[in-house]
């Protein structure tokens, strides 16, 4: 009895109620308060295009600490963390806030439903259904009407073949796969499915002619040459002082920042980056 009481008190200290623990959410009270504050903030921007709402919201997270692997809970849990970010969770958090506001959501529960829908393949919170690859993330969220990959419509794009295999060929890097080796086969099936699709990217050499087609708030996927991967970083396009920069959770600067240099200069410095994907959030209210 004493052990159960201690567990329950621990859950309460993290911002859980008993019902919330059963629904497998992980958050602090600070997170839920911020969500509702930011949804209220967005209600005053409902007439703006989704991209402008995204930029305004992303800037709320500037200087927030960069922390990797915040989603890795066992068992798999919907993690809501507005206190620390990596590049993917920043994009998901901002997108979920804007999408919640656009669809008339008012509270933390509405936000959680939206985030879950964005992060997981079929609305099922499980490790194998999490959209680990951005190739899957953009595809499934496009099917849900949340996003549109516009890369193939931008001047200078190139069609190419994607050969995803990194996760299934490196299960030792993922503690969940080490503990549940049968899941590796499920991940491999999703990789094979993703590899059958058509993909396009904008080579970094073509960015200058493509940049006029990139809007504030567009999601940038940084296409990598690392074997078995699709992209190695994500960010939001951000026009500043006439230059195309980006807002991202930077592992080198250890926080969320607006890039110091233009996107083209950044790409040219990164030998393992081939170019970019451009993914646009759909607007609902305009």
C-alpha atoms as a PDB file:
ATOM      1  CA  UNK A   1       0.000   0.000   0.000  1.00  0.00           C
ATOM      2  CA  UNK A   2       2.832   2.346   0.893  1.00  0.00           C
ATOM      3  CA  UNK A   3       4.513   1.743  -2.496  1.00  0.00           C
ATOM      4  CA  UNK A   4       1.284   2.579  -4.342  1.00  0.00           C
ATOM      5  CA  UNK A   5       0.879   5.791  -2.309  1.00  0.00           C
ATOM      6  CA  UNK A   6       4.425   6.873  -3.105  1.00  0.00           C
ATOM      7  CA  UNK A   7       3.900   6.187  -6.815  1.00  0.00           C
ATOM      8  CA  UNK A   8       0.689   8.184  -6.847  1.00  0.00           C
ATOM      9  CA  UNK A   9       2.347  11.122  -5.099  1.00  0.00           C
ATOM     10  CA  UNK A  10       5.190  11.031  -7.619  1.00  0.00           C
ATOM     11  CA  UNK A  11       2.715  11.206 -10.482  1.00  0.00           C
ATOM     12  CA  UNK A  12       0.980  14.165  -8.889  1.00  0.00           C
ATOM     13  CA  UNK A  13       4.300  15.956  -8.461  1.00  0.00           C
ATOM     14  CA  UNK A  14       4.868  15.654 -12.219  1.00  0.00           C
ATOM     15  CA  UNK A  15       1.522  17.229 -13.037  1.00  0.00           C
ATOM     16  CA  UNK A  16      -0.362  13.954 -13.517  1.00  0.00           C
ATOM     17  CA  UNK A  17      -3.762  12.992 -12.245  1.00  0.00           C
ATOM     18  CA  UNK A  18      -4.670   9.314 -11.974  1.00  0.00           C
ATOM     19  CA  UNK A  19      -6.757   9.548 -15.156  1.00  0.00           C
ATOM     20  CA  UNK A  20      -3.933  11.298 -16.983  1.00  0.00           C
ATOM     21  CA  UNK A  21      -1.490   8.590 -15.952  1.00  0.00           C
ATOM     22  CA  UNK A  22      -3.831   6.007 -17.425  1.00  0.00           C
ATOM     23  CA  UNK A  23      -4.009   7.964 -20.710  1.00  0.00           C
ATOM     24  CA  UNK A  24      -0.169   7.901 -20.844  1.00  0.00           C
ATOM     25  CA  UNK A  25       0.767  11.550 -20.977  1.00  0.00           C
ATOM     26  CA  UNK A  26       3.938  12.972 -19.503  1.00  0.00           C
ATOM     27  CA  UNK A  27       4.089  16.678 -18.667  1.00  0.00           C
ATOM     28  CA  UNK A  28       4.590  19.162 -15.870  1.00  0.00           C
ATOM     29  CA  UNK A  29       2.030  21.702 -14.776  1.00  0.00           C
ATOM     30  CA  UNK A  30       4.239  24.374 -16.321  1.00  0.00           C
ATOM     31  CA  UNK A  31       3.776  22.699 -19.703  1.00  0.00           C
ATOM     32  CA  UNK A  32      -0.025  22.657 -19.556  1.00  0.00           C
ATOM     33  CA  UNK A  33      -0.088  26.285 -18.410  1.00  0.00           C
ATOM     34  CA  UNK A  34       2.175  27.350 -21.275  1.00  0.00           C
ATOM     35  CA  UNK A  35       0.053  25.476 -23.806  1.00  0.00           C
ATOM     36  CA  UNK A  36      -3.103  27.308 -22.794  1.00  0.00           C
ATOM     37  CA  UNK A  37      -1.265  30.638 -22.634  1.00  0.00           C
ATOM     38  CA  UNK A  38       0.083  30.175 -26.167  1.00  0.00           C
ATOM     39  CA  UNK A  39      -3.279  29.044 -27.553  1.00  0.00           C
ATOM     40  CA  UNK A  40      -4.728  32.266 -26.154  1.00  0.00           C
ATOM     41  CA  UNK A  41      -1.850  34.186 -27.767  1.00  0.00           C
ATOM     42  CA  UNK A  42      -2.691  32.615 -31.125  1.00  0.00           C
ATOM     43  CA  UNK A  43      -6.381  33.464 -30.872  1.00  0.00           C
ATOM     44  CA  UNK A  44      -5.430  37.084 -31.619  1.00  0.00           C
ATOM     45  CA  UNK A  45      -3.621  35.979 -34.785  1.00  0.00           C
ATOM     46  CA  UNK A  46      -6.363  33.850 -36.301  1.00  0.00           C
ATOM     47  CA  UNK A  47      -6.583  36.005 -39.447  1.00  0.00           C
ATOM     48  CA  UNK A  48      -2.891  35.515 -40.258  1.00  0.00           C
ATOM     49  CA  UNK A  49      -1.597  32.778 -42.602  1.00  0.00           C
ATOM     50  CA  UNK A  50      -0.395  29.623 -40.868  1.00  0.00           C
ATOM     51  CA  UNK A  51       3.236  30.441 -41.715  1.00  0.00           C
ATOM     52  CA  UNK A  52       3.115  33.797 -39.945  1.00  0.00           C
ATOM     53  CA  UNK A  53       1.458  32.212 -36.915  1.00  0.00           C
ATOM     54  CA  UNK A  54       4.226  29.603 -36.897  1.00  0.00           C
ATOM     55  CA  UNK A  55       6.975  32.232 -36.882  1.00  0.00           C
ATOM     56  CA  UNK A  56       5.303  34.221 -34.086  1.00  0.00           C
ATOM     57  CA  UNK A  57       4.900  31.046 -32.030  1.00  0.00           C
ATOM     58  CA  UNK A  58       8.401  29.703 -32.716  1.00  0.00           C
ATOM     59  CA  UNK A  59       9.884  32.981 -31.461  1.00  0.00           C
ATOM     60  CA  UNK A  60       8.208  32.362 -28.097  1.00  0.00           C
ATOM     61  CA  UNK A  61      10.673  29.494 -27.638  1.00  0.00           C
ATOM     62  CA  UNK A  62      13.867  31.401 -28.442  1.00  0.00           C
ATOM     63  CA  UNK A  63      16.659  30.673 -25.944  1.00  0.00           C
ATOM     64  CA  UNK A  64      14.882  27.577 -24.618  1.00  0.00           C
ATOM     65  CA  UNK A  65      17.476  24.862 -23.853  1.00  0.00           C
ATOM     66  CA  UNK A  66      18.322  22.251 -26.449  1.00  0.00           C
ATOM     67  CA  UNK A  67      17.817  18.775 -24.963  1.00  0.00           C
ATOM     68  CA  UNK A  68      17.800  15.572 -27.012  1.00  0.00           C
ATOM     69  CA  UNK A  69      15.772  12.389 -26.480  1.00  0.00           C
ATOM     70  CA  UNK A  70      12.988  13.911 -24.370  1.00  0.00           C
ATOM     71  CA  UNK A  71      10.450  11.557 -25.991  1.00  0.00           C
ATOM     72  CA  UNK A  72      12.178   8.378 -24.869  1.00  0.00           C
ATOM     73  CA  UNK A  73       9.880   7.135 -22.093  1.00  0.00           C
ATOM     74  CA  UNK A  74       9.111   3.516 -21.287  1.00  0.00           C
ATOM     75  CA  UNK A  75       6.377   2.584 -21.901  1.00  0.00           C
ATOM     76  CA  UNK A  76       5.785   4.942 -24.839  1.00  0.00           C
ATOM     77  CA  UNK A  77       3.995   8.047 -23.596  1.00  0.00           C
ATOM     78  CA  UNK A  78       2.695  11.238 -25.172  1.00  0.00           C
ATOM     79  CA  UNK A  79       5.381  13.640 -23.978  1.00  0.00           C
ATOM     80  CA  UNK A  80       4.402  17.308 -23.729  1.00  0.00           C
ATOM     81  CA  UNK A  81       7.508  19.347 -22.957  1.00  0.00           C
ATOM     82  CA  UNK A  82       7.607  23.092 -23.586  1.00  0.00           C
ATOM     83  CA  UNK A  83      10.661  23.604 -21.365  1.00  0.00           C
ATOM     84  CA  UNK A  84      13.356  21.972 -23.508  1.00  0.00           C
ATOM     85  CA  UNK A  85      13.502  21.045 -27.199  1.00  0.00           C
ATOM     86  CA  UNK A  86      15.339  19.236 -29.925  1.00  0.00           C
ATOM     87  CA  UNK A  87      14.893  20.153 -33.575  1.00  0.00           C
ATOM     88  CA  UNK A  88      11.954  17.799 -34.163  1.00  0.00           C
ATOM     89  CA  UNK A  89      10.056  18.486 -30.944  1.00  0.00           C
ATOM     90  CA  UNK A  90      10.318  22.234 -31.586  1.00  0.00           C
ATOM     91  CA  UNK A  91       8.668  21.774 -34.992  1.00  0.00           C
ATOM     92  CA  UNK A  92       5.993  19.443 -33.615  1.00  0.00           C
ATOM     93  CA  UNK A  93       5.228  21.669 -30.620  1.00  0.00           C
ATOM     94  CA  UNK A  94       4.847  24.850 -32.661  1.00  0.00           C
ATOM     95  CA  UNK A  95       2.849  23.112 -35.376  1.00  0.00           C
ATOM     96  CA  UNK A  96       0.531  21.511 -32.806  1.00  0.00           C
ATOM     97  CA  UNK A  97      -0.094  24.854 -31.085  1.00  0.00           C
ATOM     98  CA  UNK A  98      -0.969  26.586 -34.359  1.00  0.00           C
ATOM     99  CA  UNK A  99      -3.079  23.676 -35.551  1.00  0.00           C
ATOM    100  CA  UNK A 100      -4.962  23.499 -32.242  1.00  0.00           C
ATOM    101  CA  UNK A 101      -5.773  27.194 -32.446  1.00  0.00           C
ATOM    102  CA  UNK A 102      -6.800  26.986 -36.100  1.00  0.00           C
ATOM    103  CA  UNK A 103      -9.196  24.108 -35.450  1.00  0.00           C
ATOM    104  CA  UNK A 104     -10.898  25.896 -32.573  1.00  0.00           C
ATOM    105  CA  UNK A 105      -9.106  24.139 -29.736  1.00  0.00           C
ATOM    106  CA  UNK A 106      -9.120  25.995 -26.451  1.00  0.00           C
ATOM    107  CA  UNK A 107      -7.380  23.885 -23.841  1.00  0.00           C
ATOM    108  CA  UNK A 108      -4.591  21.482 -22.979  1.00  0.00           C
ATOM    109  CA  UNK A 109      -6.627  18.391 -23.847  1.00  0.00           C
ATOM    110  CA  UNK A 110      -7.281  19.738 -27.349  1.00  0.00           C
ATOM    111  CA  UNK A 111      -3.566  20.388 -27.784  1.00  0.00           C
ATOM    112  CA  UNK A 112      -2.651  16.874 -26.640  1.00  0.00           C
ATOM    113  CA  UNK A 113      -5.036  15.368 -29.179  1.00  0.00           C
ATOM    114  CA  UNK A 114      -3.484  17.475 -31.934  1.00  0.00           C
ATOM    115  CA  UNK A 115       0.088  16.660 -30.926  1.00  0.00           C
ATOM    116  CA  UNK A 116      -0.699  12.954 -30.757  1.00  0.00           C
ATOM    117  CA  UNK A 117      -2.199  13.099 -34.242  1.00  0.00           C
ATOM    118  CA  UNK A 118       0.921  14.810 -35.608  1.00  0.00           C
ATOM    119  CA  UNK A 119       3.492  12.618 -33.860  1.00  0.00           C
ATOM    120  CA  UNK A 120       1.994   9.166 -34.394  1.00  0.00           C
ATOM    121  CA  UNK A 121       1.071   7.253 -37.505  1.00  0.00           C
ATOM    122  CA  UNK A 122      -2.518   6.298 -36.718  1.00  0.00           C
ATOM    123  CA  UNK A 123      -3.223   8.149 -33.502  1.00  0.00           C
ATOM    124  CA  UNK A 124      -1.883   5.226 -31.498  1.00  0.00           C
ATOM    125  CA  UNK A 125       0.727   6.075 -28.873  1.00  0.00           C
ATOM    126  CA  UNK A 126       3.289   3.322 -29.281  1.00  0.00           C
ATOM    127  CA  UNK A 127       6.972   3.266 -30.139  1.00  0.00           C
ATOM    128  CA  UNK A 128       6.552   1.540 -33.490  1.00  0.00           C
ATOM    129  CA  UNK A 129       3.752   3.919 -34.509  1.00  0.00           C
ATOM    130  CA  UNK A 130       5.754   7.037 -33.735  1.00  0.00           C
ATOM    131  CA  UNK A 131       6.767   8.742 -36.993  1.00  0.00           C
ATOM    132  CA  UNK A 132      10.514   8.414 -36.477  1.00  0.00           C
ATOM    133  CA  UNK A 133      11.504   9.260 -40.046  1.00  0.00           C
ATOM    134  CA  UNK A 134      10.550  12.683 -41.385  1.00  0.00           C
ATOM    135  CA  UNK A 135       9.767  10.969 -44.704  1.00  0.00           C
ATOM    136  CA  UNK A 136       6.908   9.210 -42.895  1.00  0.00           C
ATOM    137  CA  UNK A 137       6.112  12.237 -40.736  1.00  0.00           C
ATOM    138  CA  UNK A 138       5.483  14.471 -43.715  1.00  0.00           C
ATOM    139  CA  UNK A 139       3.635  11.791 -45.692  1.00  0.00           C
ATOM    140  CA  UNK A 140       1.166  10.869 -42.968  1.00  0.00           C
ATOM    141  CA  UNK A 141       0.576  14.467 -41.927  1.00  0.00           C
ATOM    142  CA  UNK A 142      -0.072  15.354 -45.554  1.00  0.00           C
ATOM    143  CA  UNK A 143      -2.692  12.589 -45.682  1.00  0.00           C
ATOM    144  CA  UNK A 144      -4.281  14.112 -42.569  1.00  0.00           C
ATOM    145  CA  UNK A 145      -4.485  17.517 -44.266  1.00  0.00           C
ATOM    146  CA  UNK A 146      -2.062  19.159 -41.852  1.00  0.00           C
ATOM    147  CA  UNK A 147       0.897  19.695 -44.185  1.00  0.00           C
ATOM    148  CA  UNK A 148       1.918  19.711 -47.826  1.00  0.00           C
ATOM    149  CA  UNK A 149       5.354  18.837 -49.152  1.00  0.00           C
ATOM    150  CA  UNK A 150       5.852  21.511 -51.814  1.00  0.00           C
ATOM    151  CA  UNK A 151       9.425  20.575 -52.744  1.00  0.00           C
ATOM    152  CA  UNK A 152       8.442  19.101 -56.107  1.00  0.00           C
ATOM    153  CA  UNK A 153       6.758  22.398 -57.065  1.00  0.00           C
ATOM    154  CA  UNK A 154       9.828  24.542 -56.401  1.00  0.00           C
ATOM    155  CA  UNK A 155      12.235  25.482 -59.182  1.00  0.00           C
ATOM    156  CA  UNK A 156      15.477  23.527 -59.188  1.00  0.00           C
ATOM    157  CA  UNK A 157      14.141  20.409 -57.447  1.00  0.00           C
ATOM    158  CA  UNK A 158      15.556  16.966 -58.212  1.00  0.00           C
ATOM    159  CA  UNK A 159      13.774  13.615 -57.980  1.00  0.00           C
ATOM    160  CA  UNK A 160      15.746  10.989 -56.078  1.00  0.00           C
ATOM    161  CA  UNK A 161      15.505   7.578 -54.431  1.00  0.00           C
ATOM    162  CA  UNK A 162      15.364   7.239 -50.674  1.00  0.00           C
ATOM    163  CA  UNK A 163      16.754   4.131 -49.004  1.00  0.00           C
ATOM    164  CA  UNK A 164      15.750   4.291 -45.353  1.00  0.00           C
ATOM    165  CA  UNK A 165      17.394   1.671 -43.160  1.00  0.00           C
ATOM    166  CA  UNK A 166      19.229   3.461 -40.365  1.00  0.00           C
ATOM    167  CA  UNK A 167      16.958   2.564 -37.435  1.00  0.00           C
ATOM    168  CA  UNK A 168      16.479  -1.097 -38.316  1.00  0.00           C
ATOM    169  CA  UNK A 169      20.191  -1.558 -39.050  1.00  0.00           C
ATOM    170  CA  UNK A 170      21.280   0.144 -35.797  1.00  0.00           C
ATOM    171  CA  UNK A 171      18.886  -1.241 -33.145  1.00  0.00           C
ATOM    172  CA  UNK A 172      21.663  -1.020 -30.576  1.00  0.00           C
ATOM    173  CA  UNK A 173      21.304   2.784 -30.684  1.00  0.00           C
ATOM    174  CA  UNK A 174      17.661   2.638 -29.538  1.00  0.00           C
ATOM    175  CA  UNK A 175      17.000   1.296 -26.054  1.00  0.00           C
ATOM    176  CA  UNK A 176      13.396   0.398 -26.912  1.00  0.00           C
ATOM    177  CA  UNK A 177      14.555  -1.816 -29.780  1.00  0.00           C
ATOM    178  CA  UNK A 178      17.190  -3.436 -27.596  1.00  0.00           C
ATOM    179  CA  UNK A 179      14.506  -4.269 -25.047  1.00  0.00           C
ATOM    180  CA  UNK A 180      11.972  -5.318 -27.694  1.00  0.00           C
ATOM    181  CA  UNK A 181      13.931  -6.802 -30.622  1.00  0.00           C
ATOM    182  CA  UNK A 182      10.715  -7.915 -32.332  1.00  0.00           C
ATOM    183  CA  UNK A 183       9.891  -4.256 -32.970  1.00  0.00           C
ATOM    184  CA  UNK A 184      12.867  -3.912 -35.319  1.00  0.00           C
ATOM    185  CA  UNK A 185      11.029  -5.957 -37.932  1.00  0.00           C
ATOM    186  CA  UNK A 186       8.008  -3.642 -37.705  1.00  0.00           C
ATOM    187  CA  UNK A 187      10.256  -0.610 -38.178  1.00  0.00           C
ATOM    188  CA  UNK A 188      11.876  -2.311 -41.168  1.00  0.00           C
ATOM    189  CA  UNK A 189       8.485  -2.850 -42.818  1.00  0.00           C
ATOM    190  CA  UNK A 190       7.739   0.872 -42.469  1.00  0.00           C
ATOM    191  CA  UNK A 191      11.145   1.698 -43.970  1.00  0.00           C
ATOM    192  CA  UNK A 192      10.426  -0.518 -46.976  1.00  0.00           C
ATOM    193  CA  UNK A 193       7.014   1.111 -47.409  1.00  0.00           C
ATOM    194  CA  UNK A 194       8.535   4.604 -47.279  1.00  0.00           C
ATOM    195  CA  UNK A 195      11.237   3.691 -49.799  1.00  0.00           C
ATOM    196  CA  UNK A 196       8.593   2.991 -52.454  1.00  0.00           C
ATOM    197  CA  UNK A 197       7.452   6.632 -52.592  1.00  0.00           C
ATOM    198  CA  UNK A 198       8.710   9.378 -54.881  1.00  0.00           C
ATOM    199  CA  UNK A 199      10.922  12.016 -53.263  1.00  0.00           C
ATOM    200  CA  UNK A 200      12.289  15.361 -54.386  1.00  0.00           C
ATOM    201  CA  UNK A 201      14.819  17.699 -52.840  1.00  0.00           C
ATOM    202  CA  UNK A 202      16.306  21.091 -53.612  1.00  0.00           C
ATOM    203  CA  UNK A 203      20.105  20.757 -53.956  1.00  0.00           C
ATOM    204  CA  UNK A 204      22.013  23.390 -52.040  1.00  0.00           C
ATOM    205  CA  UNK A 205      23.448  24.595 -55.339  1.00  0.00           C
ATOM    206  CA  UNK A 206      19.892  25.485 -56.463  1.00  0.00           C
ATOM    207  CA  UNK A 207      18.784  27.282 -53.307  1.00  0.00           C
ATOM    208  CA  UNK A 208      19.262  30.780 -54.706  1.00  0.00           C
ATOM    209  CA  UNK A 209      16.734  30.249 -57.513  1.00  0.00           C
ATOM    210  CA  UNK A 210      14.388  28.356 -55.148  1.00  0.00           C
ATOM    211  CA  UNK A 211      14.418  30.782 -52.235  1.00  0.00           C
ATOM    212  CA  UNK A 212      11.705  33.081 -53.620  1.00  0.00           C
ATOM    213  CA  UNK A 213       9.271  30.157 -53.321  1.00  0.00           C
ATOM    214  CA  UNK A 214      10.014  29.632 -49.618  1.00  0.00           C
ATOM    215  CA  UNK A 215       7.731  31.393 -47.146  1.00  0.00           C
ATOM    216  CA  UNK A 216       8.029  32.399 -43.524  1.00  0.00           C
ATOM    217  CA  UNK A 217       7.155  29.409 -41.369  1.00  0.00           C
ATOM    218  CA  UNK A 218       7.800  26.734 -43.984  1.00  0.00           C
ATOM    219  CA  UNK A 219       9.291  23.614 -42.428  1.00  0.00           C
ATOM    220  CA  UNK A 220      12.788  22.818 -43.685  1.00  0.00           C
ATOM    221  CA  UNK A 221      14.046  19.253 -43.724  1.00  0.00           C
ATOM    222  CA  UNK A 222      17.825  19.127 -44.126  1.00  0.00           C
ATOM    223  CA  UNK A 223      18.489  16.241 -46.536  1.00  0.00           C
ATOM    224  CA  UNK A 224      21.529  14.223 -45.512  1.00  0.00           C
ATOM    225  CA  UNK A 225      23.955  11.961 -47.336  1.00  0.00           C
ATOM    226  CA  UNK A 226      24.289   9.720 -44.252  1.00  0.00           C
ATOM    227  CA  UNK A 227      23.452   6.186 -45.351  1.00  0.00           C
ATOM    228  CA  UNK A 228      19.965   5.032 -44.417  1.00  0.00           C
ATOM    229  CA  UNK A 229      18.682   8.440 -43.264  1.00  0.00           C
ATOM    230  CA  UNK A 230      16.411  11.006 -44.888  1.00  0.00           C
ATOM    231  CA  UNK A 231      17.034  14.247 -43.009  1.00  0.00           C
ATOM    232  CA  UNK A 232      19.373  15.085 -40.154  1.00  0.00           C
ATOM    233  CA  UNK A 233      17.793  18.340 -38.953  1.00  0.00           C
ATOM    234  CA  UNK A 234      14.541  20.358 -39.036  1.00  0.00           C
ATOM    235  CA  UNK A 235      13.798  24.062 -38.774  1.00  0.00           C
ATOM    236  CA  UNK A 236      11.384  26.835 -39.718  1.00  0.00           C
ATOM    237  CA  UNK A 237      12.229  29.151 -42.600  1.00  0.00           C
ATOM    238  CA  UNK A 238      12.472  32.733 -41.365  1.00  0.00           C
ATOM    239  CA  UNK A 239      13.073  35.824 -43.506  1.00  0.00           C
ATOM    240  CA  UNK A 240      15.146  38.366 -41.557  1.00  0.00           C
ATOM    241  CA  UNK A 241      16.552  41.617 -42.979  1.00  0.00           C
ATOM    242  CA  UNK A 242      16.029  40.396 -46.529  1.00  0.00           C
ATOM    243  CA  UNK A 243      17.878  37.118 -45.949  1.00  0.00           C
ATOM    244  CA  UNK A 244      16.517  33.579 -45.667  1.00  0.00           C
ATOM    245  CA  UNK A 245      17.460  32.268 -42.230  1.00  0.00           C
ATOM    246  CA  UNK A 246      15.836  29.652 -40.010  1.00  0.00           C
ATOM    247  CA  UNK A 247      14.595  29.101 -36.458  1.00  0.00           C
ATOM    248  CA  UNK A 248      15.786  25.852 -34.936  1.00  0.00           C
ATOM    249  CA  UNK A 249      16.790  24.030 -31.787  1.00  0.00           C
ATOM    250  CA  UNK A 250      20.553  24.100 -32.240  1.00  0.00           C
ATOM    251  CA  UNK A 251      22.653  21.294 -30.769  1.00  0.00           C
ATOM    252  CA  UNK A 252      25.808  23.400 -31.162  1.00  0.00           C
ATOM    253  CA  UNK A 253      24.391  26.496 -29.470  1.00  0.00           C
ATOM    254  CA  UNK A 254      22.417  24.385 -26.967  1.00  0.00           C
ATOM    255  CA  UNK A 255      19.239  26.428 -27.371  1.00  0.00           C
ATOM    256  CA  UNK A 256      16.510  27.557 -29.761  1.00  0.00           C
ATOM    257  CA  UNK A 257      17.862  30.318 -31.994  1.00  0.00           C
ATOM    258  CA  UNK A 258      17.435  32.197 -35.222  1.00  0.00           C
ATOM    259  CA  UNK A 259      20.409  31.174 -37.352  1.00  0.00           C
ATOM    260  CA  UNK A 260      23.257  33.667 -37.432  1.00  0.00           C
ATOM    261  CA  UNK A 261      23.873  33.022 -41.122  1.00  0.00           C
ATOM    262  CA  UNK A 262      21.660  32.653 -44.162  1.00  0.00           C
ATOM    263  CA  UNK A 263      20.358  29.208 -45.032  1.00  0.00           C
ATOM    264  CA  UNK A 264      22.539  28.986 -48.148  1.00  0.00           C
ATOM    265  CA  UNK A 265      25.731  29.709 -46.179  1.00  0.00           C
ATOM    266  CA  UNK A 266      24.787  27.143 -43.548  1.00  0.00           C
ATOM    267  CA  UNK A 267      24.137  24.458 -46.179  1.00  0.00           C
ATOM    268  CA  UNK A 268      27.404  25.154 -47.960  1.00  0.00           C
ATOM    269  CA  UNK A 269      29.340  24.662 -44.717  1.00  0.00           C
ATOM    270  CA  UNK A 270      27.788  21.246 -44.063  1.00  0.00           C
ATOM    271  CA  UNK A 271      29.491  18.592 -46.180  1.00  0.00           C
ATOM    272  CA  UNK A 272      26.940  15.888 -45.312  1.00  0.00           C
ATOM    273  CA  UNK A 273      23.928  17.974 -46.327  1.00  0.00           C
ATOM    274  CA  UNK A 274      22.725  17.545 -49.905  1.00  0.00           C
ATOM    275  CA  UNK A 275      19.922  20.089 -49.821  1.00  0.00           C
ATOM    276  CA  UNK A 276      16.462  20.591 -48.349  1.00  0.00           C
ATOM    277  CA  UNK A 277      12.815  19.599 -48.322  1.00  0.00           C
ATOM    278  CA  UNK A 278      10.207  22.346 -47.985  1.00  0.00           C
ATOM    279  CA  UNK A 279       7.001  21.397 -46.177  1.00  0.00           C
ATOM    280  CA  UNK A 280       4.190  23.919 -45.713  1.00  0.00           C
ATOM    281  CA  UNK A 281       1.552  23.926 -42.976  1.00  0.00           C
ATOM    282  CA  UNK A 282      -1.971  24.188 -44.329  1.00  0.00           C
ATOM    283  CA  UNK A 283      -3.997  27.221 -43.312  1.00  0.00           C
ATOM    284  CA  UNK A 284      -7.571  26.629 -42.190  1.00  0.00           C
ATOM    285  CA  UNK A 285      -8.843  30.095 -41.380  1.00  0.00           C
ATOM    286  CA  UNK A 286      -7.707  31.848 -44.544  1.00  0.00           C
END
